mmCIF file of all heavy atoms, coordinates in Angstrom:
data_MODEL
# 
_entry.id   MODEL 
# 
loop_
_atom_site.group_PDB 
_atom_site.id 
_atom_site.type_symbol 
_atom_site.label_atom_id 
_atom_site.label_alt_id 
_atom_site.label_comp_id 
_atom_site.label_asym_id 
_atom_site.label_entity_id 
_atom_site.label_seq_id 
_atom_site.pdbx_PDB_ins_code 
_atom_site.Cartn_x 
_atom_site.Cartn_y 
_atom_site.Cartn_z 
_atom_site.occupancy 
_atom_site.B_iso_or_equiv 
_atom_site.pdbx_formal_charge 
_atom_site.auth_seq_id 
_atom_site.auth_comp_id 
_atom_site.auth_asym_id 
_atom_site.auth_atom_id 
_atom_site.pdbx_PDB_model_num 
ATOM 1   N N   . PHE A 1 1  ? 13.009  0.046  5.588  1.00 0.00 ? 1  PHE A N   1 
ATOM 2   C CA  . PHE A 1 1  ? 12.712  -1.075 4.829  1.00 0.00 ? 1  PHE A CA  1 
ATOM 3   C C   . PHE A 1 1  ? 11.684  -0.799 3.717  1.00 0.00 ? 1  PHE A C   1 
ATOM 4   O O   . PHE A 1 1  ? 11.807  -1.300 2.624  1.00 0.00 ? 1  PHE A O   1 
ATOM 5   C CB  . PHE A 1 1  ? 12.332  -2.250 5.733  1.00 0.00 ? 1  PHE A CB  1 
ATOM 6   C CG  . PHE A 1 1  ? 13.299  -2.504 6.824  1.00 0.00 ? 1  PHE A CG  1 
ATOM 7   C CD1 . PHE A 1 1  ? 13.229  -1.874 8.110  1.00 0.00 ? 1  PHE A CD1 1 
ATOM 8   C CD2 . PHE A 1 1  ? 14.462  -3.251 6.530  1.00 0.00 ? 1  PHE A CD2 1 
ATOM 9   C CE1 . PHE A 1 1  ? 14.219  -2.171 9.052  1.00 0.00 ? 1  PHE A CE1 1 
ATOM 10  C CE2 . PHE A 1 1  ? 15.489  -3.425 7.528  1.00 0.00 ? 1  PHE A CE2 1 
ATOM 11  C CZ  . PHE A 1 1  ? 15.339  -2.843 8.738  1.00 0.00 ? 1  PHE A CZ  1 
ATOM 12  N N   . ALA A 1 2  ? 10.648  -0.113 4.124  1.00 0.00 ? 2  ALA A N   1 
ATOM 13  C CA  . ALA A 1 2  ? 9.527   0.086  3.215  1.00 0.00 ? 2  ALA A CA  1 
ATOM 14  C C   . ALA A 1 2  ? 9.969   0.954  1.994  1.00 0.00 ? 2  ALA A C   1 
ATOM 15  O O   . ALA A 1 2  ? 9.391   0.780  0.849  1.00 0.00 ? 2  ALA A O   1 
ATOM 16  C CB  . ALA A 1 2  ? 8.360   0.735  3.946  1.00 0.00 ? 2  ALA A CB  1 
ATOM 17  N N   . VAL A 1 3  ? 10.935  1.860  2.098  1.00 0.00 ? 3  VAL A N   1 
ATOM 18  C CA  . VAL A 1 3  ? 11.340  2.689  0.996  1.00 0.00 ? 3  VAL A CA  1 
ATOM 19  C C   . VAL A 1 3  ? 12.558  2.183  0.306  1.00 0.00 ? 3  VAL A C   1 
ATOM 20  O O   . VAL A 1 3  ? 13.098  2.775  -0.633 1.00 0.00 ? 3  VAL A O   1 
ATOM 21  C CB  . VAL A 1 3  ? 11.605  4.134  1.432  1.00 0.00 ? 3  VAL A CB  1 
ATOM 22  C CG1 . VAL A 1 3  ? 10.308  4.755  2.059  1.00 0.00 ? 3  VAL A CG1 1 
ATOM 23  C CG2 . VAL A 1 3  ? 12.800  4.297  2.381  1.00 0.00 ? 3  VAL A CG2 1 
ATOM 24  N N   . SER A 1 4  ? 13.029  0.906  0.771  1.00 0.00 ? 4  SER A N   1 
ATOM 25  C CA  . SER A 1 4  ? 14.245  0.384  0.157  1.00 0.00 ? 4  SER A CA  1 
ATOM 26  C C   . SER A 1 4  ? 13.898  -0.082 -1.286 1.00 0.00 ? 4  SER A C   1 
ATOM 27  O O   . SER A 1 4  ? 12.752  -0.220 -1.690 1.00 0.00 ? 4  SER A O   1 
ATOM 28  C CB  . SER A 1 4  ? 14.766  -0.865 0.910  1.00 0.00 ? 4  SER A CB  1 
ATOM 29  O OG  . SER A 1 4  ? 13.844  -1.839 0.861  1.00 0.00 ? 4  SER A OG  1 
ATOM 30  N N   . ASP A 1 5  ? 14.865  -0.328 -2.153 1.00 0.00 ? 5  ASP A N   1 
ATOM 31  C CA  . ASP A 1 5  ? 14.635  -0.791 -3.537 1.00 0.00 ? 5  ASP A CA  1 
ATOM 32  C C   . ASP A 1 5  ? 13.736  -1.991 -3.465 1.00 0.00 ? 5  ASP A C   1 
ATOM 33  O O   . ASP A 1 5  ? 12.887  -2.214 -4.453 1.00 0.00 ? 5  ASP A O   1 
ATOM 34  C CB  . ASP A 1 5  ? 15.919  -1.103 -4.207 1.00 0.00 ? 5  ASP A CB  1 
ATOM 35  C CG  . ASP A 1 5  ? 16.783  0.139  -4.482 1.00 0.00 ? 5  ASP A CG  1 
ATOM 36  O OD1 . ASP A 1 5  ? 16.250  1.296  -4.423 1.00 0.00 ? 5  ASP A OD1 1 
ATOM 37  O OD2 . ASP A 1 5  ? 18.019  -0.005 -4.738 1.00 0.00 ? 5  ASP A OD2 1 
ATOM 38  N N   . LYS A 1 6  ? 13.835  -2.929 -2.546 1.00 0.00 ? 6  LYS A N   1 
ATOM 39  C CA  . LYS A 1 6  ? 13.135  -4.201 -2.456 1.00 0.00 ? 6  LYS A CA  1 
ATOM 40  C C   . LYS A 1 6  ? 11.680  -3.982 -2.406 1.00 0.00 ? 6  LYS A C   1 
ATOM 41  O O   . LYS A 1 6  ? 10.867  -4.625 -3.018 1.00 0.00 ? 6  LYS A O   1 
ATOM 42  C CB  . LYS A 1 6  ? 13.670  -5.072 -1.470 1.00 0.00 ? 6  LYS A CB  1 
ATOM 43  C CG  . LYS A 1 6  ? 13.036  -6.407 -1.408 1.00 0.00 ? 6  LYS A CG  1 
ATOM 44  C CD  . LYS A 1 6  ? 13.644  -7.337 -0.332 1.00 0.00 ? 6  LYS A CD  1 
ATOM 45  C CE  . LYS A 1 6  ? 13.025  -8.635 -0.285 1.00 0.00 ? 6  LYS A CE  1 
ATOM 46  N NZ  . LYS A 1 6  ? 13.643  -9.568 0.711  1.00 0.00 ? 6  LYS A NZ  1 
ATOM 47  N N   . TYR A 1 7  ? 11.203  -2.992 -1.570 1.00 0.00 ? 7  TYR A N   1 
ATOM 48  C CA  . TYR A 1 7  ? 9.828   -2.862 -1.168 1.00 0.00 ? 7  TYR A CA  1 
ATOM 49  C C   . TYR A 1 7  ? 9.178   -1.533 -1.665 1.00 0.00 ? 7  TYR A C   1 
ATOM 50  O O   . TYR A 1 7  ? 7.987   -1.445 -1.525 1.00 0.00 ? 7  TYR A O   1 
ATOM 51  C CB  . TYR A 1 7  ? 9.679   -2.987 0.342  1.00 0.00 ? 7  TYR A CB  1 
ATOM 52  C CG  . TYR A 1 7  ? 10.092  -4.237 0.925  1.00 0.00 ? 7  TYR A CG  1 
ATOM 53  C CD1 . TYR A 1 7  ? 11.263  -4.332 1.621  1.00 0.00 ? 7  TYR A CD1 1 
ATOM 54  C CD2 . TYR A 1 7  ? 9.394   -5.442 0.721  1.00 0.00 ? 7  TYR A CD2 1 
ATOM 55  C CE1 . TYR A 1 7  ? 11.689  -5.547 2.246  1.00 0.00 ? 7  TYR A CE1 1 
ATOM 56  C CE2 . TYR A 1 7  ? 9.800   -6.674 1.240  1.00 0.00 ? 7  TYR A CE2 1 
ATOM 57  C CZ  . TYR A 1 7  ? 10.917  -6.734 1.953  1.00 0.00 ? 7  TYR A CZ  1 
ATOM 58  O OH  . TYR A 1 7  ? 11.355  -7.910 2.436  1.00 0.00 ? 7  TYR A OH  1 
ATOM 59  N N   . ARG A 1 8  ? 9.923   -0.619 -2.167 1.00 0.00 ? 8  ARG A N   1 
ATOM 60  C CA  . ARG A 1 8  ? 9.445   0.742  -2.493 1.00 0.00 ? 8  ARG A CA  1 
ATOM 61  C C   . ARG A 1 8  ? 8.267   0.767  -3.383 1.00 0.00 ? 8  ARG A C   1 
ATOM 62  O O   . ARG A 1 8  ? 7.271   1.403  -3.170 1.00 0.00 ? 8  ARG A O   1 
ATOM 63  C CB  . ARG A 1 8  ? 10.558  1.648  -2.998 1.00 0.00 ? 8  ARG A CB  1 
ATOM 64  C CG  . ARG A 1 8  ? 10.104  3.070  -3.198 1.00 0.00 ? 8  ARG A CG  1 
ATOM 65  C CD  . ARG A 1 8  ? 11.251  4.032  -3.466 1.00 0.00 ? 8  ARG A CD  1 
ATOM 66  N NE  . ARG A 1 8  ? 12.109  3.590  -4.514 1.00 0.00 ? 8  ARG A NE  1 
ATOM 67  C CZ  . ARG A 1 8  ? 13.391  3.177  -4.389 1.00 0.00 ? 8  ARG A CZ  1 
ATOM 68  N NH1 . ARG A 1 8  ? 13.906  3.216  -3.124 1.00 0.00 ? 8  ARG A NH1 1 
ATOM 69  N NH2 . ARG A 1 8  ? 14.188  2.825  -5.383 1.00 0.00 ? 8  ARG A NH2 1 
ATOM 70  N N   . THR A 1 9  ? 8.321   -0.079 -4.514 1.00 0.00 ? 9  THR A N   1 
ATOM 71  C CA  . THR A 1 9  ? 7.199   0.017  -5.452 1.00 0.00 ? 9  THR A CA  1 
ATOM 72  C C   . THR A 1 9  ? 5.957   -0.453 -4.826 1.00 0.00 ? 9  THR A C   1 
ATOM 73  O O   . THR A 1 9  ? 4.821   0.117  -4.960 1.00 0.00 ? 9  THR A O   1 
ATOM 74  C CB  . THR A 1 9  ? 7.551   -0.868 -6.660 1.00 0.00 ? 9  THR A CB  1 
ATOM 75  O OG1 . THR A 1 9  ? 8.684   -0.405 -7.302 1.00 0.00 ? 9  THR A OG1 1 
ATOM 76  C CG2 . THR A 1 9  ? 6.390   -1.008 -7.656 1.00 0.00 ? 9  THR A CG2 1 
ATOM 77  N N   . ASN A 1 10 ? 5.967   -1.517 -3.971 1.00 0.00 ? 10 ASN A N   1 
ATOM 78  C CA  . ASN A 1 10 ? 4.817   -1.943 -3.334 1.00 0.00 ? 10 ASN A CA  1 
ATOM 79  C C   . ASN A 1 10 ? 4.255   -0.991 -2.371 1.00 0.00 ? 10 ASN A C   1 
ATOM 80  O O   . ASN A 1 10 ? 3.043   -0.794 -2.180 1.00 0.00 ? 10 ASN A O   1 
ATOM 81  C CB  . ASN A 1 10 ? 4.990   -3.328 -2.618 1.00 0.00 ? 10 ASN A CB  1 
ATOM 82  C CG  . ASN A 1 10 ? 5.178   -4.530 -3.559 1.00 0.00 ? 10 ASN A CG  1 
ATOM 83  O OD1 . ASN A 1 10 ? 4.763   -4.400 -4.694 1.00 0.00 ? 10 ASN A OD1 1 
ATOM 84  N ND2 . ASN A 1 10 ? 5.794   -5.532 -3.127 1.00 0.00 ? 10 ASN A ND2 1 
ATOM 85  N N   . PHE A 1 11 ? 5.130   -0.309 -1.570 1.00 0.00 ? 11 PHE A N   1 
ATOM 86  C CA  . PHE A 1 11 ? 4.768   0.653  -0.645 1.00 0.00 ? 11 PHE A CA  1 
ATOM 87  C C   . PHE A 1 11 ? 4.138   1.890  -1.363 1.00 0.00 ? 11 PHE A C   1 
ATOM 88  O O   . PHE A 1 11 ? 3.030   2.306  -0.978 1.00 0.00 ? 11 PHE A O   1 
ATOM 89  C CB  . PHE A 1 11 ? 5.962   1.112  0.239  1.00 0.00 ? 11 PHE A CB  1 
ATOM 90  C CG  . PHE A 1 11 ? 5.600   1.995  1.385  1.00 0.00 ? 11 PHE A CG  1 
ATOM 91  C CD1 . PHE A 1 11 ? 4.384   1.929  2.060  1.00 0.00 ? 11 PHE A CD1 1 
ATOM 92  C CD2 . PHE A 1 11 ? 6.557   2.996  1.868  1.00 0.00 ? 11 PHE A CD2 1 
ATOM 93  C CE1 . PHE A 1 11 ? 4.097   2.757  3.136  1.00 0.00 ? 11 PHE A CE1 1 
ATOM 94  C CE2 . PHE A 1 11 ? 6.260   3.812  2.942  1.00 0.00 ? 11 PHE A CE2 1 
ATOM 95  C CZ  . PHE A 1 11 ? 5.090   3.648  3.592  1.00 0.00 ? 11 PHE A CZ  1 
ATOM 96  N N   . VAL A 1 12 ? 4.659   2.290  -2.482 1.00 0.00 ? 12 VAL A N   1 
ATOM 97  C CA  . VAL A 1 12 ? 4.066   3.481  -3.249 1.00 0.00 ? 12 VAL A CA  1 
ATOM 98  C C   . VAL A 1 12 ? 2.671   3.074  -3.645 1.00 0.00 ? 12 VAL A C   1 
ATOM 99  O O   . VAL A 1 12 ? 1.696   3.806  -3.440 1.00 0.00 ? 12 VAL A O   1 
ATOM 100 C CB  . VAL A 1 12 ? 4.980   3.773  -4.458 1.00 0.00 ? 12 VAL A CB  1 
ATOM 101 C CG1 . VAL A 1 12 ? 4.234   4.682  -5.484 1.00 0.00 ? 12 VAL A CG1 1 
ATOM 102 C CG2 . VAL A 1 12 ? 6.317   4.331  -4.081 1.00 0.00 ? 12 VAL A CG2 1 
ATOM 103 N N   . GLN A 1 13 ? 2.492   1.912  -4.232 1.00 0.00 ? 13 GLN A N   1 
ATOM 104 C CA  . GLN A 1 13 ? 1.170   1.423  -4.739 1.00 0.00 ? 13 GLN A CA  1 
ATOM 105 C C   . GLN A 1 13 ? 0.218   1.324  -3.535 1.00 0.00 ? 13 GLN A C   1 
ATOM 106 O O   . GLN A 1 13 ? -0.981  1.773  -3.612 1.00 0.00 ? 13 GLN A O   1 
ATOM 107 C CB  . GLN A 1 13 ? 1.234   0.063  -5.376 1.00 0.00 ? 13 GLN A CB  1 
ATOM 108 C CG  . GLN A 1 13 ? 2.000   0.156  -6.729 1.00 0.00 ? 13 GLN A CG  1 
ATOM 109 C CD  . GLN A 1 13 ? 2.338   -1.227 -7.369 1.00 0.00 ? 13 GLN A CD  1 
ATOM 110 O OE1 . GLN A 1 13 ? 2.070   -2.212 -6.803 1.00 0.00 ? 13 GLN A OE1 1 
ATOM 111 N NE2 . GLN A 1 13 ? 2.911   -1.182 -8.542 1.00 0.00 ? 13 GLN A NE2 1 
ATOM 112 N N   . SER A 1 14 ? 0.641   0.900  -2.396 1.00 0.00 ? 14 SER A N   1 
ATOM 113 C CA  . SER A 1 14 ? -0.261  0.725  -1.191 1.00 0.00 ? 14 SER A CA  1 
ATOM 114 C C   . SER A 1 14 ? -0.687  2.020  -0.681 1.00 0.00 ? 14 SER A C   1 
ATOM 115 O O   . SER A 1 14 ? -1.927  2.235  -0.417 1.00 0.00 ? 14 SER A O   1 
ATOM 116 C CB  . SER A 1 14 ? 0.451   0.014  -0.093 1.00 0.00 ? 14 SER A CB  1 
ATOM 117 O OG  . SER A 1 14 ? 0.751   -1.351 -0.483 1.00 0.00 ? 14 SER A OG  1 
ATOM 118 N N   . VAL A 1 15 ? 0.148   3.005  -0.705 1.00 0.00 ? 15 VAL A N   1 
ATOM 119 C CA  . VAL A 1 15 ? -0.089  4.328  -0.207 1.00 0.00 ? 15 VAL A CA  1 
ATOM 120 C C   . VAL A 1 15 ? -1.225  5.012  -1.159 1.00 0.00 ? 15 VAL A C   1 
ATOM 121 O O   . VAL A 1 15 ? -2.238  5.469  -0.685 1.00 0.00 ? 15 VAL A O   1 
ATOM 122 C CB  . VAL A 1 15 ? 1.061   5.298  -0.190 1.00 0.00 ? 15 VAL A CB  1 
ATOM 123 C CG1 . VAL A 1 15 ? 0.603   6.794  0.014  1.00 0.00 ? 15 VAL A CG1 1 
ATOM 124 C CG2 . VAL A 1 15 ? 2.018   4.835  0.937  1.00 0.00 ? 15 VAL A CG2 1 
ATOM 125 N N   . VAL A 1 16 ? -1.031  4.944  -2.454 1.00 0.00 ? 16 VAL A N   1 
ATOM 126 C CA  . VAL A 1 16 ? -1.952  5.532  -3.452 1.00 0.00 ? 16 VAL A CA  1 
ATOM 127 C C   . VAL A 1 16 ? -3.283  4.855  -3.305 1.00 0.00 ? 16 VAL A C   1 
ATOM 128 O O   . VAL A 1 16 ? -4.311  5.491  -3.294 1.00 0.00 ? 16 VAL A O   1 
ATOM 129 C CB  . VAL A 1 16 ? -1.322  5.573  -4.813 1.00 0.00 ? 16 VAL A CB  1 
ATOM 130 C CG1 . VAL A 1 16 ? -2.316  6.075  -5.838 1.00 0.00 ? 16 VAL A CG1 1 
ATOM 131 C CG2 . VAL A 1 16 ? -0.112  6.488  -4.859 1.00 0.00 ? 16 VAL A CG2 1 
ATOM 132 N N   . LYS A 1 17 ? -3.249  3.542  -3.387 1.00 0.00 ? 17 LYS A N   1 
ATOM 133 C CA  . LYS A 1 17 ? -4.549  2.789  -3.317 1.00 0.00 ? 17 LYS A CA  1 
ATOM 134 C C   . LYS A 1 17 ? -5.364  3.142  -2.061 1.00 0.00 ? 17 LYS A C   1 
ATOM 135 O O   . LYS A 1 17 ? -6.513  3.280  -2.068 1.00 0.00 ? 17 LYS A O   1 
ATOM 136 C CB  . LYS A 1 17 ? -4.270  1.224  -3.374 1.00 0.00 ? 17 LYS A CB  1 
ATOM 137 C CG  . LYS A 1 17 ? -3.857  0.804  -4.689 1.00 0.00 ? 17 LYS A CG  1 
ATOM 138 C CD  . LYS A 1 17 ? -3.668  -0.702 -4.683 1.00 0.00 ? 17 LYS A CD  1 
ATOM 139 C CE  . LYS A 1 17 ? -3.256  -1.281 -6.069 1.00 0.00 ? 17 LYS A CE  1 
ATOM 140 N NZ  . LYS A 1 17 ? -2.908  -2.714 -6.040 1.00 0.00 ? 17 LYS A NZ  1 
ATOM 141 N N   . TYR A 1 18 ? -4.677  3.219  -0.922 1.00 0.00 ? 18 TYR A N   1 
ATOM 142 C CA  . TYR A 1 18 ? -5.332  3.566  0.384  1.00 0.00 ? 18 TYR A CA  1 
ATOM 143 C C   . TYR A 1 18 ? -5.933  4.956  0.314  1.00 0.00 ? 18 TYR A C   1 
ATOM 144 O O   . TYR A 1 18 ? -7.082  5.129  0.698  1.00 0.00 ? 18 TYR A O   1 
ATOM 145 C CB  . TYR A 1 18 ? -4.310  3.334  1.567  1.00 0.00 ? 18 TYR A CB  1 
ATOM 146 C CG  . TYR A 1 18 ? -5.045  3.445  2.864  1.00 0.00 ? 18 TYR A CG  1 
ATOM 147 C CD1 . TYR A 1 18 ? -5.380  2.268  3.497  1.00 0.00 ? 18 TYR A CD1 1 
ATOM 148 C CD2 . TYR A 1 18 ? -5.211  4.663  3.454  1.00 0.00 ? 18 TYR A CD2 1 
ATOM 149 C CE1 . TYR A 1 18 ? -5.963  2.313  4.712  1.00 0.00 ? 18 TYR A CE1 1 
ATOM 150 C CE2 . TYR A 1 18 ? -5.834  4.635  4.769  1.00 0.00 ? 18 TYR A CE2 1 
ATOM 151 C CZ  . TYR A 1 18 ? -6.220  3.454  5.337  1.00 0.00 ? 18 TYR A CZ  1 
ATOM 152 O OH  . TYR A 1 18 ? -6.826  3.504  6.654  1.00 0.00 ? 18 TYR A OH  1 
ATOM 153 N N   . VAL A 1 19 ? -5.203  5.930  -0.073 1.00 0.00 ? 19 VAL A N   1 
ATOM 154 C CA  . VAL A 1 19 ? -5.703  7.272  -0.126 1.00 0.00 ? 19 VAL A CA  1 
ATOM 155 C C   . VAL A 1 19 ? -6.848  7.362  -1.061 1.00 0.00 ? 19 VAL A C   1 
ATOM 156 O O   . VAL A 1 19 ? -7.955  7.977  -0.736 1.00 0.00 ? 19 VAL A O   1 
ATOM 157 C CB  . VAL A 1 19 ? -4.508  8.251  -0.692 1.00 0.00 ? 19 VAL A CB  1 
ATOM 158 C CG1 . VAL A 1 19 ? -5.090  9.621  -0.973 1.00 0.00 ? 19 VAL A CG1 1 
ATOM 159 C CG2 . VAL A 1 19 ? -3.497  8.382  0.484  1.00 0.00 ? 19 VAL A CG2 1 
ATOM 160 N N   . VAL A 1 20 ? -6.763  6.682  -2.253 1.00 0.00 ? 20 VAL A N   1 
ATOM 161 C CA  . VAL A 1 20 ? -7.974  6.779  -3.210 1.00 0.00 ? 20 VAL A CA  1 
ATOM 162 C C   . VAL A 1 20 ? -9.159  6.015  -2.671 1.00 0.00 ? 20 VAL A C   1 
ATOM 163 O O   . VAL A 1 20 ? -10.263 6.501  -2.645 1.00 0.00 ? 20 VAL A O   1 
ATOM 164 C CB  . VAL A 1 20 ? -7.484  6.227  -4.599 1.00 0.00 ? 20 VAL A CB  1 
ATOM 165 C CG1 . VAL A 1 20 ? -8.636  6.069  -5.504 1.00 0.00 ? 20 VAL A CG1 1 
ATOM 166 C CG2 . VAL A 1 20 ? -6.380  7.145  -5.169 1.00 0.00 ? 20 VAL A CG2 1 
ATOM 167 N N   . ALA A 1 21 ? -8.904  4.784  -2.182 1.00 0.00 ? 21 ALA A N   1 
ATOM 168 C CA  . ALA A 1 21 ? -9.978  3.934  -1.659 1.00 0.00 ? 21 ALA A CA  1 
ATOM 169 C C   . ALA A 1 21 ? -10.818 4.566  -0.591 1.00 0.00 ? 21 ALA A C   1 
ATOM 170 O O   . ALA A 1 21 ? -12.043 4.469  -0.507 1.00 0.00 ? 21 ALA A O   1 
ATOM 171 C CB  . ALA A 1 21 ? -9.522  2.563  -1.253 1.00 0.00 ? 21 ALA A CB  1 
ATOM 172 N N   . PHE A 1 22 ? -10.156 5.325  0.274  1.00 0.00 ? 22 PHE A N   1 
ATOM 173 C CA  . PHE A 1 22 ? -10.869 5.881  1.440  1.00 0.00 ? 22 PHE A CA  1 
ATOM 174 C C   . PHE A 1 22 ? -11.180 7.348  1.270  1.00 0.00 ? 22 PHE A C   1 
ATOM 175 O O   . PHE A 1 22 ? -11.631 8.012  2.205  1.00 0.00 ? 22 PHE A O   1 
ATOM 176 C CB  . PHE A 1 22 ? -10.035 5.713  2.784  1.00 0.00 ? 22 PHE A CB  1 
ATOM 177 C CG  . PHE A 1 22 ? -10.049 4.228  3.182  1.00 0.00 ? 22 PHE A CG  1 
ATOM 178 C CD1 . PHE A 1 22 ? -9.063  3.353  2.872  1.00 0.00 ? 22 PHE A CD1 1 
ATOM 179 C CD2 . PHE A 1 22 ? -11.146 3.751  3.889  1.00 0.00 ? 22 PHE A CD2 1 
ATOM 180 C CE1 . PHE A 1 22 ? -9.103  2.053  3.251  1.00 0.00 ? 22 PHE A CE1 1 
ATOM 181 C CE2 . PHE A 1 22 ? -11.194 2.360  4.259  1.00 0.00 ? 22 PHE A CE2 1 
ATOM 182 C CZ  . PHE A 1 22 ? -10.128 1.577  3.966  1.00 0.00 ? 22 PHE A CZ  1 
ATOM 183 N N   . GLY A 1 23 ? -10.961 7.922  0.118  1.00 0.00 ? 23 GLY A N   1 
ATOM 184 C CA  . GLY A 1 23 ? -11.316 9.217  -0.265 1.00 0.00 ? 23 GLY A CA  1 
ATOM 185 C C   . GLY A 1 23 ? -10.596 10.381 0.351  1.00 0.00 ? 23 GLY A C   1 
ATOM 186 O O   . GLY A 1 23 ? -11.061 11.469 0.526  1.00 0.00 ? 23 GLY A O   1 
ATOM 187 N N   . PHE A 1 24 ? -9.307  10.148 0.772  1.00 0.00 ? 24 PHE A N   1 
ATOM 188 C CA  . PHE A 1 24 ? -8.456  11.127 1.338  1.00 0.00 ? 24 PHE A CA  1 
ATOM 189 C C   . PHE A 1 24 ? -7.943  12.112 0.249  1.00 0.00 ? 24 PHE A C   1 
ATOM 190 O O   . PHE A 1 24 ? -7.990  11.754 -0.912 1.00 0.00 ? 24 PHE A O   1 
ATOM 191 C CB  . PHE A 1 24 ? -7.283  10.565 2.138  1.00 0.00 ? 24 PHE A CB  1 
ATOM 192 C CG  . PHE A 1 24 ? -7.638  9.891  3.378  1.00 0.00 ? 24 PHE A CG  1 
ATOM 193 C CD1 . PHE A 1 24 ? -7.749  8.527  3.505  1.00 0.00 ? 24 PHE A CD1 1 
ATOM 194 C CD2 . PHE A 1 24 ? -7.906  10.697 4.492  1.00 0.00 ? 24 PHE A CD2 1 
ATOM 195 C CE1 . PHE A 1 24 ? -8.086  7.983  4.676  1.00 0.00 ? 24 PHE A CE1 1 
ATOM 196 C CE2 . PHE A 1 24 ? -8.249  10.047 5.714  1.00 0.00 ? 24 PHE A CE2 1 
ATOM 197 C CZ  . PHE A 1 24 ? -8.366  8.676  5.784  1.00 0.00 ? 24 PHE A CZ  1 
ATOM 198 N N   . ASP A 1 25 ? -7.610  13.270 0.682  1.00 0.00 ? 25 ASP A N   1 
ATOM 199 C CA  . ASP A 1 25 ? -7.073  14.304 -0.330 1.00 0.00 ? 25 ASP A CA  1 
ATOM 200 C C   . ASP A 1 25 ? -5.538  14.206 -0.355 1.00 0.00 ? 25 ASP A C   1 
ATOM 201 O O   . ASP A 1 25 ? -4.952  14.902 -1.249 1.00 0.00 ? 25 ASP A O   1 
ATOM 202 C CB  . ASP A 1 25 ? -7.493  15.664 0.134  1.00 0.00 ? 25 ASP A CB  1 
ATOM 203 C CG  . ASP A 1 25 ? -9.032  15.874 0.132  1.00 0.00 ? 25 ASP A CG  1 
ATOM 204 O OD1 . ASP A 1 25 ? -9.648  15.770 -1.047 1.00 0.00 ? 25 ASP A OD1 1 
ATOM 205 O OD2 . ASP A 1 25 ? -9.608  16.122 1.226  1.00 0.00 ? 25 ASP A OD2 1 
# 
């Protein structure tokens, strides 16, 4: 569901924001 056309853009943005916000590599 998360990678479906309906939700993919939001999931991509969430992943990147989380990685950046918490300082992951």
